[in-house]
Amino acid sequence: MSRQCSRTGCAESSIVTLSYQYARSIVWLDDLSAERDPHSYDLCQRHTARLSVPNGWRLEDRRSRRELAYAAAPRLAG
């Protein structure tokens, strides 16, 4: 399954699905969902790494260990 990042102007493939609940001031990062949900956002590696939440909000990373290992892996130039 490959979907484009939800960020405007980004053509990279998504790796995570971001969802949030405004009333609880919480943001969740999950493994890429099987289907696109109009109430969530799919993000690429670059936009996931640069993600920040508003002051007072909590970010919960619920991705599987396999995905976390990939995200933390050093990238080689070339």
PDB file of N, CA and C in Angstrom:
ATOM      1  N   MET A   1       0.851  -1.167   0.000  1.00  0.00           N
ATOM      2  CA  MET A   1       0.000   0.000   0.000  1.00  0.00           C
ATOM      3  C   MET A   1       0.894   1.226   0.000  1.00  0.00           C
ATOM      4  N   SER A   2       0.655   2.126  -0.913  1.00  0.00           N
ATOM      5  CA  SER A   2       1.450   3.335  -1.002  1.00  0.00           C
ATOM      6  C   SER A   2       0.517   4.504  -1.286  1.00  0.00           C
ATOM      7  N   ARG A   3       0.556   5.479  -0.394  1.00  0.00           N
ATOM      8  CA  ARG A   3      -0.239   6.690  -0.562  1.00  0.00           C
ATOM      9  C   ARG A   3       0.671   7.888  -0.420  1.00  0.00           C
ATOM     10  N   GLN A   4       0.301   8.964  -1.054  1.00  0.00           N
ATOM     11  CA  GLN A   4       1.082  10.202  -1.012  1.00  0.00           C
ATOM     12  C   GLN A   4       0.879  10.920   0.316  1.00  0.00           C
ATOM     13  N   CYS A   5       1.918  11.588   0.772  1.00  0.00           N
ATOM     14  CA  CYS A   5       1.870  12.398   1.984  1.00  0.00           C
ATOM     15  C   CYS A   5       0.753  13.442   1.875  1.00  0.00           C
ATOM     16  N   SER A   6       0.065  13.691   2.974  1.00  0.00           N
ATOM     17  CA  SER A   6      -1.047  14.651   2.998  1.00  0.00           C
ATOM     18  C   SER A   6      -0.595  16.110   2.967  1.00  0.00           C
ATOM     19  N   ARG A   7       0.680  16.366   3.247  1.00  0.00           N
ATOM     20  CA  ARG A   7       1.166  17.750   3.245  1.00  0.00           C
ATOM     21  C   ARG A   7       1.141  18.313   1.825  1.00  0.00           C
ATOM     22  N   THR A   8       0.638  19.516   1.680  1.00  0.00           N
ATOM     23  CA  THR A   8       0.518  20.165   0.386  1.00  0.00           C
ATOM     24  C   THR A   8       1.888  20.273  -0.288  1.00  0.00           C
ATOM     25  N   GLY A   9       1.947  19.858  -1.548  1.00  0.00           N
ATOM     26  CA  GLY A   9       3.170  19.962  -2.323  1.00  0.00           C
ATOM     27  C   GLY A   9       4.155  18.823  -2.122  1.00  0.00           C
ATOM     28  N   CYS A  10       3.870  17.870  -1.241  1.00  0.00           N
ATOM     29  CA  CYS A  10       4.778  16.748  -0.996  1.00  0.00           C
ATOM     30  C   CYS A  10       4.320  15.540  -1.803  1.00  0.00           C
ATOM     31  N   ALA A  11       5.242  14.958  -2.551  1.00  0.00           N
ATOM     32  CA  ALA A  11       4.922  13.805  -3.390  1.00  0.00           C
ATOM     33  C   ALA A  11       5.504  12.506  -2.836  1.00  0.00           C
ATOM     34  N   GLU A  12       6.058  12.545  -1.619  1.00  0.00           N
ATOM     35  CA  GLU A  12       6.654  11.360  -1.008  1.00  0.00           C
ATOM     36  C   GLU A  12       5.575  10.379  -0.554  1.00  0.00           C
ATOM     37  N   SER A  13       5.961   9.123  -0.399  1.00  0.00           N
ATOM     38  CA  SER A  13       5.055   8.090   0.082  1.00  0.00           C
ATOM     39  C   SER A  13       4.859   8.218   1.587  1.00  0.00           C
ATOM     40  N   SER A  14       3.660   7.962   2.035  1.00  0.00           N
ATOM     41  CA  SER A  14       3.336   8.036   3.465  1.00  0.00           C
ATOM     42  C   SER A  14       3.863   6.817   4.207  1.00  0.00           C
ATOM     43  N   ILE A  15       4.231   7.029   5.486  1.00  0.00           N
ATOM     44  CA  ILE A  15       4.676   5.921   6.337  1.00  0.00           C
ATOM     45  C   ILE A  15       3.854   5.823   7.613  1.00  0.00           C
ATOM     46  N   VAL A  16       3.167   6.904   7.996  1.00  0.00           N
ATOM     47  CA  VAL A  16       2.363   6.904   9.225  1.00  0.00           C
ATOM     48  C   VAL A  16       1.022   7.590   8.976  1.00  0.00           C
ATOM     49  N   THR A  17       0.084   7.312   9.863  1.00  0.00           N
ATOM     50  CA  THR A  17      -1.208   7.994   9.854  1.00  0.00           C
ATOM     51  C   THR A  17      -1.313   8.804  11.134  1.00  0.00           C
ATOM     52  N   LEU A  18      -1.599  10.086  10.996  1.00  0.00           N
ATOM     53  CA  LEU A  18      -1.758  10.992  12.126  1.00  0.00           C
ATOM     54  C   LEU A  18      -3.250  11.244  12.325  1.00  0.00           C
ATOM     55  N   SER A  19      -3.681  11.134  13.565  1.00  0.00           N
ATOM     56  CA  SER A  19      -5.055  11.489  13.914  1.00  0.00           C
ATOM     57  C   SER A  19      -5.010  12.284  15.214  1.00  0.00           C
ATOM     58  N   TYR A  20      -6.085  12.955  15.524  1.00  0.00           N
ATOM     59  CA  TYR A  20      -6.092  13.772  16.736  1.00  0.00           C
ATOM     60  C   TYR A  20      -7.502  13.892  17.287  1.00  0.00           C
ATOM     61  N   GLN A  21      -7.572  14.279  18.551  1.00  0.00           N
ATOM     62  CA  GLN A  21      -8.847  14.588  19.182  1.00  0.00           C
ATOM     63  C   GLN A  21      -8.697  15.964  19.818  1.00  0.00           C
ATOM     64  N   TYR A  22      -9.361  16.926  19.226  1.00  0.00           N
ATOM     65  CA  TYR A  22      -9.230  18.311  19.637  1.00  0.00           C
ATOM     66  C   TYR A  22      -9.649  18.524  21.094  1.00  0.00           C
ATOM     67  N   ALA A  23     -10.751  17.914  21.510  1.00  0.00           N
ATOM     68  CA  ALA A  23     -11.277  18.122  22.866  1.00  0.00           C
ATOM     69  C   ALA A  23     -10.307  17.643  23.944  1.00  0.00           C
ATOM     70  N   ARG A  24      -9.502  16.618  23.641  1.00  0.00           N
ATOM     71  CA  ARG A  24      -8.543  16.086  24.609  1.00  0.00           C
ATOM     72  C   ARG A  24      -7.128  16.613  24.384  1.00  0.00           C
ATOM     73  N   SER A  25      -6.928  17.422  23.372  1.00  0.00           N
ATOM     74  CA  SER A  25      -5.604  17.972  23.030  1.00  0.00           C
ATOM     75  C   SER A  25      -4.563  16.868  22.890  1.00  0.00           C
ATOM     76  N   ILE A  26      -4.873  15.874  22.061  1.00  0.00           N
ATOM     77  CA  ILE A  26      -3.972  14.740  21.880  1.00  0.00           C
ATOM     78  C   ILE A  26      -3.838  14.405  20.399  1.00  0.00           C
ATOM     79  N   VAL A  27      -2.624  14.023  20.012  1.00  0.00           N
ATOM     80  CA  VAL A  27      -2.305  13.627  18.642  1.00  0.00           C
ATOM     81  C   VAL A  27      -1.736  12.216  18.692  1.00  0.00           C
ATOM     82  N   TRP A  28      -2.173  11.354  17.768  1.00  0.00           N
ATOM     83  CA  TRP A  28      -1.671   9.987  17.713  1.00  0.00           C
ATOM     84  C   TRP A  28      -0.948   9.757  16.391  1.00  0.00           C
ATOM     85  N   LEU A  29       0.176   9.057  16.450  1.00  0.00           N
ATOM     86  CA  LEU A  29       0.879   8.562  15.271  1.00  0.00           C
ATOM     87  C   LEU A  29       0.728   7.045  15.275  1.00  0.00           C
ATOM     88  N   ASP A  30       0.177   6.508  14.207  1.00  0.00           N
ATOM     89  CA  ASP A  30      -0.018   5.066  14.076  1.00  0.00           C
ATOM     90  C   ASP A  30       0.648   4.572  12.806  1.00  0.00           C
ATOM     91  N   ASP A  31       0.862   3.257  12.736  1.00  0.00           N
ATOM     92  CA  ASP A  31       1.314   2.664  11.479  1.00  0.00           C
ATOM     93  C   ASP A  31       0.324   3.089  10.395  1.00  0.00           C
ATOM     94  N   LEU A  32       0.790   3.176   9.163  1.00  0.00           N
ATOM     95  CA  LEU A  32      -0.059   3.597   8.064  1.00  0.00           C
ATOM     96  C   LEU A  32      -1.309   2.723   8.012  1.00  0.00           C
ATOM     97  N   SER A  33      -2.464   3.355   8.043  1.00  0.00           N
ATOM     98  CA  SER A  33      -3.722   2.609   8.029  1.00  0.00           C
ATOM     99  C   SER A  33      -3.925   1.924   6.673  1.00  0.00           C
ATOM    100  N   ALA A  34      -4.713   0.870   6.681  1.00  0.00           N
ATOM    101  CA  ALA A  34      -4.955   0.098   5.458  1.00  0.00           C
ATOM    102  C   ALA A  34      -5.688   0.933   4.408  1.00  0.00           C
ATOM    103  N   GLU A  35      -6.572   1.821   4.861  1.00  0.00           N
ATOM    104  CA  GLU A  35      -7.324   2.666   3.942  1.00  0.00           C
ATOM    105  C   GLU A  35      -7.244   4.118   4.381  1.00  0.00           C
ATOM    106  N   ARG A  36      -7.340   5.012   3.435  1.00  0.00           N
ATOM    107  CA  ARG A  36      -7.318   6.438   3.740  1.00  0.00           C
ATOM    108  C   ARG A  36      -8.583   6.818   4.498  1.00  0.00           C
ATOM    109  N   ASP A  37      -8.412   7.600   5.554  1.00  0.00           N
ATOM    110  CA  ASP A  37      -9.526   8.072   6.368  1.00  0.00           C
ATOM    111  C   ASP A  37      -9.605   9.586   6.209  1.00  0.00           C
ATOM    112  N   PRO A  38     -10.773  10.126   5.860  1.00  0.00           N
ATOM    113  CA  PRO A  38     -10.863  11.577   5.648  1.00  0.00           C
ATOM    114  C   PRO A  38     -10.663  12.393   6.927  1.00  0.00           C
ATOM    115  N   HIS A  39     -10.644  11.731   8.089  1.00  0.00           N
ATOM    116  CA  HIS A  39     -10.475  12.435   9.361  1.00  0.00           C
ATOM    117  C   HIS A  39      -9.061  12.307   9.921  1.00  0.00           C
ATOM    118  N   SER A  40      -8.148  11.768   9.127  1.00  0.00           N
ATOM    119  CA  SER A  40      -6.761  11.635   9.563  1.00  0.00           C
ATOM    120  C   SER A  40      -5.841  12.052   8.421  1.00  0.00           C
ATOM    121  N   TYR A  41      -4.552  12.091   8.712  1.00  0.00           N
ATOM    122  CA  TYR A  41      -3.561  12.540   7.736  1.00  0.00           C
ATOM    123  C   TYR A  41      -2.467  11.502   7.604  1.00  0.00           C
ATOM    124  N   ASP A  42      -2.042  11.241   6.379  1.00  0.00           N
ATOM    125  CA  ASP A  42      -0.928  10.334   6.121  1.00  0.00           C
ATOM    126  C   ASP A  42       0.317  11.179   5.892  1.00  0.00           C
ATOM    127  N   LEU A  43       1.403  10.831   6.590  1.00  0.00           N
ATOM    128  CA  LEU A  43       2.621  11.631   6.509  1.00  0.00           C
ATOM    129  C   LEU A  43       3.810  10.798   6.047  1.00  0.00           C
ATOM    130  N   CYS A  44       4.722  11.429   5.318  1.00  0.00           N
ATOM    131  CA  CYS A  44       5.966  10.792   4.880  1.00  0.00           C
ATOM    132  C   CYS A  44       6.994  10.832   6.026  1.00  0.00           C
ATOM    133  N   GLN A  45       8.138  10.228   5.799  1.00  0.00           N
ATOM    134  CA  GLN A  45       9.200  10.171   6.808  1.00  0.00           C
ATOM    135  C   GLN A  45       9.656  11.578   7.209  1.00  0.00           C
ATOM    136  N   ARG A  46       9.870  12.444   6.242  1.00  0.00           N
ATOM    137  CA  ARG A  46      10.376  13.794   6.523  1.00  0.00           C
ATOM    138  C   ARG A  46       9.385  14.597   7.369  1.00  0.00           C
ATOM    139  N   HIS A  47       8.121  14.572   7.006  1.00  0.00           N
ATOM    140  CA  HIS A  47       7.133  15.351   7.754  1.00  0.00           C
ATOM    141  C   HIS A  47       6.822  14.722   9.114  1.00  0.00           C
ATOM    142  N   THR A  48       6.970  13.422   9.232  1.00  0.00           N
ATOM    143  CA  THR A  48       6.798  12.777  10.544  1.00  0.00           C
ATOM    144  C   THR A  48       7.924  13.206  11.475  1.00  0.00           C
ATOM    145  N   ALA A  49       9.155  13.218  10.970  1.00  0.00           N
ATOM    146  CA  ALA A  49      10.313  13.584  11.791  1.00  0.00           C
ATOM    147  C   ALA A  49      10.244  15.050  12.240  1.00  0.00           C
ATOM    148  N   ARG A  50       9.639  15.909  11.440  1.00  0.00           N
ATOM    149  CA  ARG A  50       9.569  17.339  11.754  1.00  0.00           C
ATOM    150  C   ARG A  50       8.306  17.732  12.508  1.00  0.00           C
ATOM    151  N   LEU A  51       7.460  16.762  12.821  1.00  0.00           N
ATOM    152  CA  LEU A  51       6.177  17.041  13.450  1.00  0.00           C
ATOM    153  C   LEU A  51       6.338  17.622  14.854  1.00  0.00           C
ATOM    154  N   SER A  52       5.588  18.654  15.129  1.00  0.00           N
ATOM    155  CA  SER A  52       5.491  19.188  16.486  1.00  0.00           C
ATOM    156  C   SER A  52       4.018  19.478  16.745  1.00  0.00           C
ATOM    157  N   VAL A  53       3.633  19.377  18.001  1.00  0.00           N
ATOM    158  CA  VAL A  53       2.230  19.620  18.367  1.00  0.00           C
ATOM    159  C   VAL A  53       2.136  20.939  19.117  1.00  0.00           C
ATOM    160  N   PRO A  54       0.955  21.540  19.149  1.00  0.00           N
ATOM    161  CA  PRO A  54       0.799  22.823  19.859  1.00  0.00           C
ATOM    162  C   PRO A  54       1.114  22.694  21.347  1.00  0.00           C
ATOM    163  N   ASN A  55       1.507  23.802  21.970  1.00  0.00           N
ATOM    164  CA  ASN A  55       1.751  23.819  23.417  1.00  0.00           C
ATOM    165  C   ASN A  55       0.511  23.321  24.148  1.00  0.00           C
ATOM    166  N   GLY A  56       0.727  22.462  25.126  1.00  0.00           N
ATOM    167  CA  GLY A  56      -0.365  21.912  25.901  1.00  0.00           C
ATOM    168  C   GLY A  56      -0.965  20.641  25.326  1.00  0.00           C
ATOM    169  N   TRP A  57      -0.562  20.273  24.116  1.00  0.00           N
ATOM    170  CA  TRP A  57      -1.042  19.041  23.494  1.00  0.00           C
ATOM    171  C   TRP A  57      -0.070  17.910  23.793  1.00  0.00           C
ATOM    172  N   ARG A  58      -0.563  16.684  23.729  1.00  0.00           N
ATOM    173  CA  ARG A  58       0.262  15.502  23.965  1.00  0.00           C
ATOM    174  C   ARG A  58       0.345  14.688  22.679  1.00  0.00           C
ATOM    175  N   LEU A  59       1.539  14.215  22.367  1.00  0.00           N
ATOM    176  CA  LEU A  59       1.773  13.366  21.203  1.00  0.00           C
ATOM    177  C   LEU A  59       1.998  11.947  21.679  1.00  0.00           C
ATOM    178  N   GLU A  60       1.207  11.002  21.186  1.00  0.00           N
ATOM    179  CA  GLU A  60       1.382   9.588  21.508  1.00  0.00           C
ATOM    180  C   GLU A  60       1.780   8.855  20.244  1.00  0.00           C
ATOM    181  N   ASP A  61       2.959   8.256  20.271  1.00  0.00           N
ATOM    182  CA  ASP A  61       3.458   7.479  19.137  1.00  0.00           C
ATOM    183  C   ASP A  61       3.077   6.025  19.365  1.00  0.00           C
ATOM    184  N   ARG A  62       2.115   5.529  18.606  1.00  0.00           N
ATOM    185  CA  ARG A  62       1.617   4.180  18.787  1.00  0.00           C
ATOM    186  C   ARG A  62       2.061   3.246  17.666  1.00  0.00           C
ATOM    187  N   ARG A  63       3.113   3.646  16.938  1.00  0.00           N
ATOM    188  CA  ARG A  63       3.610   2.789  15.855  1.00  0.00           C
ATOM    189  C   ARG A  63       4.245   1.533  16.415  1.00  0.00           C
ATOM    190  N   SER A  64       4.269   0.501  15.582  1.00  0.00           N
ATOM    191  CA  SER A  64       4.900  -0.752  15.987  1.00  0.00           C
ATOM    192  C   SER A  64       6.411  -0.562  16.090  1.00  0.00           C
ATOM    193  N   ARG A  65       7.057  -1.425  16.812  1.00  0.00           N
ATOM    194  CA  ARG A  65       8.521  -1.345  16.994  1.00  0.00           C
ATOM    195  C   ARG A  65       9.243  -1.384  15.651  1.00  0.00           C
ATOM    196  N   ARG A  66       8.744  -2.171  14.710  1.00  0.00           N
ATOM    197  CA  ARG A  66       9.368  -2.304  13.399  1.00  0.00           C
ATOM    198  C   ARG A  66       9.406  -0.938  12.707  1.00  0.00           C
ATOM    199  N   GLU A  67       8.318  -0.207  12.752  1.00  0.00           N
ATOM    200  CA  GLU A  67       8.264   1.111  12.125  1.00  0.00           C
ATOM    201  C   GLU A  67       9.167   2.107  12.853  1.00  0.00           C
ATOM    202  N   LEU A  68       9.228   2.031  14.167  1.00  0.00           N
ATOM    203  CA  LEU A  68      10.078   2.934  14.933  1.00  0.00           C
ATOM    204  C   LEU A  68      11.548   2.694  14.612  1.00  0.00           C
ATOM    205  N   ALA A  69      11.925   1.433  14.443  1.00  0.00           N
ATOM    206  CA  ALA A  69      13.313   1.114  14.110  1.00  0.00           C
ATOM    207  C   ALA A  69      13.672   1.700  12.748  1.00  0.00           C
ATOM    208  N   TYR A  70      12.747   1.622  11.790  1.00  0.00           N
ATOM    209  CA  TYR A  70      12.974   2.185  10.462  1.00  0.00           C
ATOM    210  C   TYR A  70      13.130   3.701  10.551  1.00  0.00           C
ATOM    211  N   ALA A  71      12.300   4.331  11.323  1.00  0.00           N
ATOM    212  CA  ALA A  71      12.336   5.786  11.430  1.00  0.00           C
ATOM    213  C   ALA A  71      13.632   6.279  12.071  1.00  0.00           C
ATOM    214  N   ALA A  72      14.202   5.492  12.982  1.00  0.00           N
ATOM    215  CA  ALA A  72      15.410   5.896  13.681  1.00  0.00           C
ATOM    216  C   ALA A  72      16.687   5.468  12.962  1.00  0.00           C
ATOM    217  N   ALA A  73      16.572   4.678  11.918  1.00  0.00           N
ATOM    218  CA  ALA A  73      17.745   4.165  11.218  1.00  0.00           C
ATOM    219  C   ALA A  73      18.511   5.319  10.562  1.00  0.00           C
ATOM    220  N   PRO A  74      19.847   5.314  10.707  1.00  0.00           N
ATOM    221  CA  PRO A  74      20.633   6.380  10.079  1.00  0.00           C
ATOM    222  C   PRO A  74      20.565   6.270   8.557  1.00  0.00           C
ATOM    223  N   ARG A  75      20.556   7.405   7.901  1.00  0.00           N
ATOM    224  CA  ARG A  75      20.499   7.416   6.439  1.00  0.00           C
ATOM    225  C   ARG A  75      21.899   7.681   5.906  1.00  0.00           C
ATOM    226  N   LEU A  76      22.278   6.945   4.884  1.00  0.00           N
ATOM    227  CA  LEU A  76      23.587   7.116   4.261  1.00  0.00           C
ATOM    228  C   LEU A  76      23.453   8.024   3.053  1.00  0.00           C
ATOM    229  N   ALA A  77      24.433   8.878   2.873  1.00  0.00           N
ATOM    230  CA  ALA A  77      24.436   9.751   1.705  1.00  0.00           C
ATOM    231  C   ALA A  77      24.719   8.940   0.464  1.00  0.00           C
ATOM    232  N   GLY A  78      24.183   9.365  -0.644  1.00  0.00           N
ATOM    233  CA  GLY A  78      24.515   8.692  -1.885  1.00  0.00           C
ATOM    234  C   GLY A  78      23.379   8.257  -2.609  1.00  0.00           C
TER     235      GLY A  78
END
